[in-house]
C-alpha atoms as a PDB file:
ATOM      1  CA  MET A   1       0.000   0.000   0.000  1.00  0.00           C
ATOM      2  CA  LYS A   2       1.377   3.434  -0.961  1.00  0.00           C
ATOM      3  CA  LYS A   3       1.448   6.359   1.435  1.00  0.00           C
ATOM      4  CA  GLY A   4      -0.235   9.552   0.288  1.00  0.00           C
ATOM      5  CA  GLN A   5       1.892  12.566  -0.403  1.00  0.00           C
ATOM      6  CA  GLY A   6      -0.248  14.856   1.766  1.00  0.00           C
ATOM      7  CA  LEU A   7       0.310  15.787   5.399  1.00  0.00           C
ATOM      8  CA  SER A   8      -0.153  13.004   7.892  1.00  0.00           C
ATOM      9  CA  LEU A   9      -2.779  13.240  10.586  1.00  0.00           C
ATOM     10  CA  THR A  10      -0.053  13.350  13.261  1.00  0.00           C
ATOM     11  CA  THR A  11       1.576  16.366  11.617  1.00  0.00           C
ATOM     12  CA  ILE A  12      -1.754  18.202  11.490  1.00  0.00           C
ATOM     13  CA  VAL A  13      -2.505  17.445  15.158  1.00  0.00           C
ATOM     14  CA  VAL A  14       0.967  18.572  16.283  1.00  0.00           C
ATOM     15  CA  ALA A  15       0.670  21.785  14.251  1.00  0.00           C
ATOM     16  CA  ALA A  16      -2.768  22.501  15.754  1.00  0.00           C
ATOM     17  CA  ILE A  17      -1.467  21.982  19.303  1.00  0.00           C
ATOM     18  CA  ALA A  18       1.545  24.204  18.615  1.00  0.00           C
ATOM     19  CA  LEU A  19      -0.728  26.926  17.240  1.00  0.00           C
ATOM     20  CA  LEU A  20      -2.979  26.692  20.300  1.00  0.00           C
ATOM     21  CA  VAL A  21       0.018  27.016  22.641  1.00  0.00           C
ATOM     22  CA  LEU A  22       1.254  30.019  20.673  1.00  0.00           C
ATOM     23  CA  VAL A  23      -2.137  31.737  20.942  1.00  0.00           C
ATOM     24  CA  ILE A  24      -2.324  31.086  24.699  1.00  0.00           C
ATOM     25  CA  LEU A  25       1.202  32.447  25.259  1.00  0.00           C
ATOM     26  CA  SER A  26       0.393  35.513  23.155  1.00  0.00           C
ATOM     27  CA  VAL A  27      -2.714  36.262  25.221  1.00  0.00           C
ATOM     28  CA  ILE A  28      -0.746  35.914  28.466  1.00  0.00           C
ATOM     29  CA  PHE A  29       2.104  38.084  27.187  1.00  0.00           C
ATOM     30  CA  ILE A  30      -0.203  40.820  25.864  1.00  0.00           C
ATOM     31  CA  GLY A  31      -2.125  40.845  29.148  1.00  0.00           C
ATOM     32  CA  ARG A  32       1.039  41.351  31.152  1.00  0.00           C
ATOM     33  CA  MET A  33       2.235  44.088  28.827  1.00  0.00           C
ATOM     34  CA  GLY A  34      -0.984  45.973  29.517  1.00  0.00           C
ATOM     35  CA  GLY A  35      -0.266  45.860  33.242  1.00  0.00           C
ATOM     36  CA  PHE A  36       3.293  46.952  32.668  1.00  0.00           C
ATOM     37  CA  ALA A  37       2.177  49.908  30.540  1.00  0.00           C
ATOM     38  CA  ALA A  38      -0.160  51.054  33.306  1.00  0.00           C
ATOM     39  CA  GLN A  39       2.648  50.902  35.861  1.00  0.00           C
ATOM     40  CA  VAL A  40       4.985  52.881  33.638  1.00  0.00           C
ATOM     41  CA  GLU A  41       2.491  55.745  33.596  1.00  0.00           C
ATOM     42  CA  GLU A  42       2.211  55.910  37.384  1.00  0.00           C
ATOM     43  CA  CYS A  43       3.494  59.095  38.934  1.00  0.00           C
ATOM     44  CA  GLU A  44       5.883  57.726  41.538  1.00  0.00           C
ATOM     45  CA  ASN A  45       7.507  55.337  39.060  1.00  0.00           C
ATOM     46  CA  LYS A  46       8.481  58.382  36.977  1.00  0.00           C
ATOM     47  CA  GLY A  47       9.937  60.443  39.822  1.00  0.00           C
ATOM     48  CA  GLY A  48       6.841  62.325  40.932  1.00  0.00           C
ATOM     49  CA  LYS A  49       4.962  62.232  44.223  1.00  0.00           C
ATOM     50  CA  CYS A  50       1.290  61.394  44.728  1.00  0.00           C
ATOM     51  CA  ALA A  51      -0.458  63.712  47.180  1.00  0.00           C
ATOM     52  CA  ILE A  52      -3.826  65.307  47.867  1.00  0.00           C
ATOM     53  CA  THR A  53      -2.361  68.772  47.209  1.00  0.00           C
ATOM     54  CA  CYS A  54       0.971  69.658  45.633  1.00  0.00           C
ATOM     55  CA  GLY A  55       3.508  71.780  47.516  1.00  0.00           C
ATOM     56  CA  ILE A  56       2.475  70.946  51.085  1.00  0.00           C
ATOM     57  CA  ASP A  57       3.093  68.202  53.670  1.00  0.00           C
ATOM     58  CA  ASP A  58       4.762  65.159  52.050  1.00  0.00           C
ATOM     59  CA  ALA A  59       4.873  66.867  48.647  1.00  0.00           C
ATOM     60  CA  VAL A  60       6.543  70.109  49.764  1.00  0.00           C
ATOM     61  CA  ASN A  61       9.383  69.597  47.253  1.00  0.00           C
ATOM     62  CA  TYR A  62       6.890  68.774  44.485  1.00  0.00           C
ATOM     63  CA  PRO A  63       4.954  72.011  43.878  1.00  0.00           C
ATOM     64  CA  THR A  64       3.694  71.423  40.328  1.00  0.00           C
ATOM     65  CA  GLN A  65       0.702  69.237  39.462  1.00  0.00           C
ATOM     66  CA  TYR A  66       1.182  67.000  36.409  1.00  0.00           C
ATOM     67  CA  ALA A  67      -1.991  65.437  35.019  1.00  0.00           C
ATOM     68  CA  ALA A  68      -0.384  63.045  32.513  1.00  0.00           C
ATOM     69  CA  TRP A  69       0.755  60.584  35.192  1.00  0.00           C
ATOM     70  CA  THR A  70      -1.696  58.697  37.370  1.00  0.00           C
ATOM     71  CA  CYS A  71      -2.088  58.318  41.128  1.00  0.00           C
ATOM     72  CA  ASN A  72      -4.609  56.717  43.431  1.00  0.00           C
ATOM     73  CA  GLU A  73      -8.125  58.080  43.456  1.00  0.00           C
ATOM     74  CA  GLY A  74      -8.309  61.398  45.315  1.00  0.00           C
ATOM     75  CA  GLU A  75      -4.628  62.165  44.728  1.00  0.00           C
ATOM     76  CA  VAL A  76      -2.808  64.167  42.071  1.00  0.00           C
ATOM     77  CA  CYS A  77       0.669  63.726  40.676  1.00  0.00           C
ATOM     78  CA  CYS A  78       3.101  66.380  41.828  1.00  0.00           C
ATOM     79  CA  ILE A  79       6.471  66.923  40.183  1.00  0.00           C
ATOM     80  CA  SER A  80       9.631  68.695  41.200  1.00  0.00           C
ATOM     81  CA  PRO A  81      10.848  71.710  39.202  1.00  0.00           C
ATOM     82  CA  GLU A  82      14.293  70.120  38.851  1.00  0.00           C
END
């Protein structure tokens, strides 16, 4: 009996499993990148200080409010003039 010249069933199954694993890893990697991007935008990770009001108490050396970076709810990002 001659073998067909097409792909064997084993090859197709292995390729399907490999593709599934690749998709799962991609979803995990993309999900973690989203979390990383959010952390990069956080105020204190970029050298600012989160406070209720800039220029007083803990943020006395950070007098300028900077809206592009995020803090916890109820706080603003304060940056130093340096």
